[in-house]
Amino acid sequence: MWNNILMKVIQITMDAELAAQVDECARSVGATRSGFTRDALRAALRRNEEKLLEERHRAGYRGTPPRSGEFEVSEDDIVWGDDGWSDD
């Protein structure tokens, strides 16, 4: 696994309580501290990217709001009544 992956060693500072929580959680999922931290950082980067994309989407609609009727659905296309689902 490590043969094709170039890793850079970094040093980070965190308070003792956070380090203990990271170690405990990493053990509970069968990961090393480094592996757990890498996964957490990747998840944070994905959340940040999603946030940026959502903001771009909102900015696009602010710049060009939808036209009247653009998202209206015809009554003929709406299904009302029993859809086969049950509350049982």
Foldseek 3Di string as FASTA:
>chain_A
DCPPDDDDDDDDDDDPVVQVVLCVVCVVVVHHSVVSVVVVVVVVVVVVVVVVVVVVVVVVCVVPPDDVPPPDDDPVPDDDDDPPDDPD
